Protein backbone atom coordinates (compact mmCIF):
# COMPACT_ATOMS: atom_id res chain seq x y z
CA MET A 1 15.88 -23.60 6.01
CA SER A 2 12.14 -23.62 6.77
CA LYS A 3 9.58 -21.64 4.81
CA LEU A 4 9.06 -19.39 7.83
CA SER A 5 12.78 -18.59 7.95
CA GLU A 6 12.68 -17.72 4.26
CA ALA A 7 9.51 -15.66 4.79
CA LYS A 8 11.28 -13.76 7.55
CA ILE A 9 14.20 -12.81 5.30
CA LEU A 10 12.22 -12.21 2.10
CA GLY A 11 9.46 -10.29 3.85
CA GLY A 12 11.86 -8.16 5.90
CA ILE A 13 13.98 -7.24 2.90
CA GLY A 14 10.86 -6.73 0.78
CA ALA A 15 9.26 -4.43 3.34
CA LEU A 16 12.52 -2.47 3.60
CA LEU A 17 12.66 -2.10 -0.17
CA MET A 18 9.02 -1.00 -0.22
CA LEU A 19 9.86 1.75 2.26
CA ILE A 20 13.08 3.09 0.74
CA GLY A 21 13.26 1.55 -2.72
CA GLY A 22 10.46 3.55 -4.27
CA SER A 23 12.13 6.88 -3.65
CA ILE A 24 15.68 5.86 -4.57
CA PHE A 25 15.22 3.92 -7.81
CA ALA A 26 11.98 5.45 -9.10
CA GLY A 27 9.84 2.54 -8.03
CA ILE A 28 12.06 -0.38 -9.05
CA GLY A 29 12.98 -1.12 -5.45
CA ALA A 30 9.33 -0.95 -4.42
CA ILE A 31 8.34 -3.42 -7.14
CA VAL A 32 11.09 -5.86 -6.11
CA GLY A 33 10.04 -5.37 -2.48
CA LEU A 34 6.43 -6.09 -3.31
CA ILE A 35 7.39 -9.32 -5.08
CA LEU A 36 9.46 -10.41 -2.07
CA ILE A 37 6.57 -9.67 0.30
CA PHE A 38 4.20 -11.63 -1.96
CA ILE A 39 6.52 -14.64 -1.77
CA ALA A 40 6.90 -14.25 2.01
CA VAL A 41 3.14 -14.06 2.57
CA ARG A 42 2.67 -17.10 0.31
CA TYR A 43 5.23 -19.04 2.37
CA ILE A 44 3.49 -18.07 5.62
CA SER A 45 0.13 -19.06 4.13
CA ASP A 46 1.54 -22.43 3.05
CA GLU A 47 3.27 -23.10 6.34
CA THR A 48 0.17 -22.25 8.42
CA LYS A 49 -2.14 -24.01 5.93
CA ASP A 50 -4.33 -20.90 6.04
CA ASN A 51 -5.05 -19.85 2.45
CA SER A 52 -6.96 -16.78 3.62
CA ILE A 53 -3.63 -15.14 4.52
CA PHE A 54 -2.48 -15.06 0.91
CA ASP A 55 -5.98 -14.55 -0.55
CA ASN A 56 -6.56 -11.45 1.59
CA TYR A 57 -3.10 -10.11 0.78
CA LEU A 58 -3.82 -10.60 -2.93
CA MET A 59 -7.12 -8.70 -2.57
CA HIS A 60 -5.21 -5.91 -0.78
CA PHE A 61 -2.87 -5.68 -3.73
CA ILE A 62 -5.68 -5.74 -6.31
CA PHE A 63 -7.51 -2.88 -4.60
CA ILE A 64 -4.31 -0.81 -4.39
CA ILE A 65 -3.84 -1.26 -8.15
CA ILE A 66 -7.47 -0.31 -8.77
CA ALA A 67 -7.02 2.84 -6.66
CA ILE A 68 -3.92 3.89 -8.60
CA VAL A 69 -5.40 3.10 -12.02
CA ALA A 70 -8.68 4.85 -11.20
CA PHE A 71 -6.93 8.04 -10.12
CA ILE A 72 -4.56 8.09 -13.10
CA ALA A 73 -7.37 7.32 -15.56
CA ILE A 74 -9.61 10.08 -14.19
CA PHE A 75 -6.69 12.51 -14.10
CA PHE A 76 -5.71 11.92 -17.72
CA ALA A 77 -9.31 11.79 -18.93
CA SER A 78 -9.96 15.15 -17.26
CA ILE A 79 -6.99 16.93 -18.83
CA GLY A 80 -7.82 15.71 -22.32
CA GLY A 81 -4.33 14.62 -23.29
CA PHE A 82 -1.64 16.90 -24.66
CA THR A 83 -3.93 19.92 -25.17
CA PHE A 84 -3.70 20.49 -21.42
CA PHE A 85 0.08 20.77 -21.57
CA SER A 86 0.13 23.07 -24.58
CA ALA A 87 -2.42 25.33 -22.85
CA LEU A 88 -0.32 25.18 -19.69
CA GLU A 89 2.66 26.60 -21.57
CA GLN A 90 0.67 29.73 -22.42
CA LEU A 91 -0.42 30.24 -18.81
CA ASN A 92 0.93 33.23 -16.88
CA PRO A 93 2.01 31.68 -13.54
CA ALA A 94 2.51 35.15 -12.02
CA ASP A 95 -1.22 35.87 -12.28
CA PRO A 96 -3.14 33.85 -9.65
CA MET A 97 -6.49 34.53 -11.33
CA ASP A 98 -5.16 33.21 -14.63
CA VAL A 99 -3.94 30.05 -12.88
CA TRP A 100 -7.27 29.62 -11.06
CA GLU A 101 -9.33 30.07 -14.21
CA PHE A 102 -7.15 27.54 -15.98
CA LEU A 103 -7.30 24.88 -13.24
CA GLN A 104 -10.91 25.35 -12.14
CA PRO A 105 -12.53 22.96 -14.67
CA TYR A 106 -10.05 20.20 -13.73
CA ILE A 107 -10.17 20.43 -9.95
CA MET A 108 -13.59 18.79 -9.60
CA TRP A 109 -12.40 15.75 -11.59
CA TRP A 110 -9.17 15.50 -9.62
CA VAL A 111 -11.13 15.56 -6.35
CA ILE A 112 -13.47 12.85 -7.66
CA GLY A 113 -10.47 10.75 -8.72
CA GLY A 114 -8.88 11.27 -5.32
CA LEU A 115 -12.07 10.25 -3.49
CA ILE A 116 -12.45 7.10 -5.57
CA ALA A 117 -8.78 6.19 -4.98
CA TRP A 118 -9.24 6.90 -1.25
CA ILE A 119 -12.21 4.52 -1.02
CA PHE A 120 -10.25 1.74 -2.74
CA LEU A 121 -7.27 2.45 -0.46
CA ILE A 122 -9.48 1.91 2.59
CA VAL A 123 -10.88 -1.35 1.16
CA SER A 124 -7.31 -2.44 0.41
CA ALA A 125 -6.25 -1.72 3.99
CA MET A 126 -9.16 -3.78 5.30
CA TYR A 127 -7.96 -6.82 3.35
CA LEU A 128 -4.38 -6.24 4.52
CA ARG A 129 -5.68 -6.13 8.07
CA LYS A 130 -7.41 -9.51 7.63
CA SER A 131 -4.22 -11.03 6.22
CA TYR A 132 -1.90 -9.60 8.86
CA ASN A 133 -4.27 -10.40 11.74
CA SER A 134 -4.27 -14.03 10.59
CA ILE A 135 -0.46 -13.99 10.48
CA THR A 136 -0.46 -12.62 14.05
CA LYS A 137 -2.80 -15.42 15.15
CA HIS A 138 -0.52 -18.12 13.71
CA THR A 139 2.92 -16.67 14.55
CA ASN A 140 2.22 -14.69 17.74
CA VAL A 141 4.02 -11.69 16.19
CA SER A 142 1.78 -8.85 17.33
CA TYR A 143 3.67 -6.35 15.17
CA PHE A 144 1.66 -7.61 12.18
CA LYS A 145 -1.57 -6.64 13.94
CA THR A 146 -0.10 -3.23 14.79
CA THR A 147 1.04 -2.78 11.18
CA ALA A 148 -2.41 -3.67 9.88
CA THR A 149 -4.16 -1.29 12.26
CA LEU A 150 -1.82 1.56 11.36
CA PHE A 151 -2.28 0.92 7.63
CA LEU A 152 -6.05 1.11 8.11
CA ILE A 153 -5.85 4.29 10.21
CA GLY A 154 -3.45 5.75 7.64
CA ALA A 155 -5.77 4.87 4.76
CA VAL A 156 -8.79 6.42 6.47
CA SER A 157 -6.87 9.59 7.40
CA ALA A 158 -5.08 9.86 4.04
CA ILE A 159 -7.84 12.25 2.96
CA ILE A 160 -6.30 14.84 5.30
CA LEU A 161 -2.75 13.86 4.27
CA ILE A 162 -1.58 12.95 7.81
CA GLY A 163 -2.49 9.39 6.88
CA PHE A 164 0.51 9.14 4.59
CA LEU A 165 2.80 9.73 7.58
CA ILE A 166 0.94 7.03 9.51
CA ILE A 167 1.38 4.66 6.55
CA ILE A 168 5.13 5.35 6.60
CA VAL A 169 5.20 4.44 10.31
CA ALA A 170 3.22 1.28 9.49
CA MET A 171 5.80 0.38 6.83
CA VAL A 172 8.61 0.68 9.39
CA ILE A 173 6.75 -1.59 11.83
CA GLU A 174 6.06 -4.01 8.95
CA ILE A 175 9.82 -4.44 8.52
CA ILE A 176 10.16 -5.28 12.21
CA ALA A 177 7.18 -7.65 12.03
CA PHE A 178 8.69 -9.74 9.24
CA PHE A 179 12.06 -9.99 10.98
CA MET A 180 10.28 -11.14 14.18
CA ILE A 181 8.71 -14.20 12.53
CA PRO A 182 9.80 -17.33 14.41
CA ASP A 183 11.61 -20.12 12.56
CA LYS A 184 8.90 -22.56 13.66
CA LEU A 185 5.22 -22.00 14.30
CA PRO A 186 4.37 -21.77 18.00
CA PRO A 187 2.07 -24.46 19.37
CA SER A 188 -1.58 -23.87 18.51
CA LYS A 189 -3.67 -22.37 21.31
CA GLU A 190 -6.76 -24.24 20.10
CA THR A 191 -7.59 -27.29 22.23
């Protein structure tokens, strides 16, 4: 079995696990899926002898991690640990003014954390686009280019929440893209 055939199977299963695994097994499926996609992208990079494919995918992953860590760090730094939760217990949820007064000092920090995460999400999508566009160039599977474009559009529009739906659509097309990888690289168009 060629590396491209293995990339097809590993990437397709990995992308499927990324889509459904996160919600079913509290993230375990998504982590396994991510590992499978990493291996698949590495195989494609090796087979095409184009290291930028894997390097750009790795940068995509690093910026996603930075986005998540930045948001979580700002969130927890803003609430000040367990004092937030003990104060939350004494809150009267039936009184909207009480809830607003309680949350008001935190909202600014949460928005800042969200904006920082959003910026890193966009940068991440740009690296994914570079990686997947290179895969399209080498394999002639245009679904990778479509996936990359939708991930970028989804990242940019995530600020208005519709982007997360676009990212879900991109994840579905990513599954198709991996399963469409040919067993052998098509002849190079460069002459």
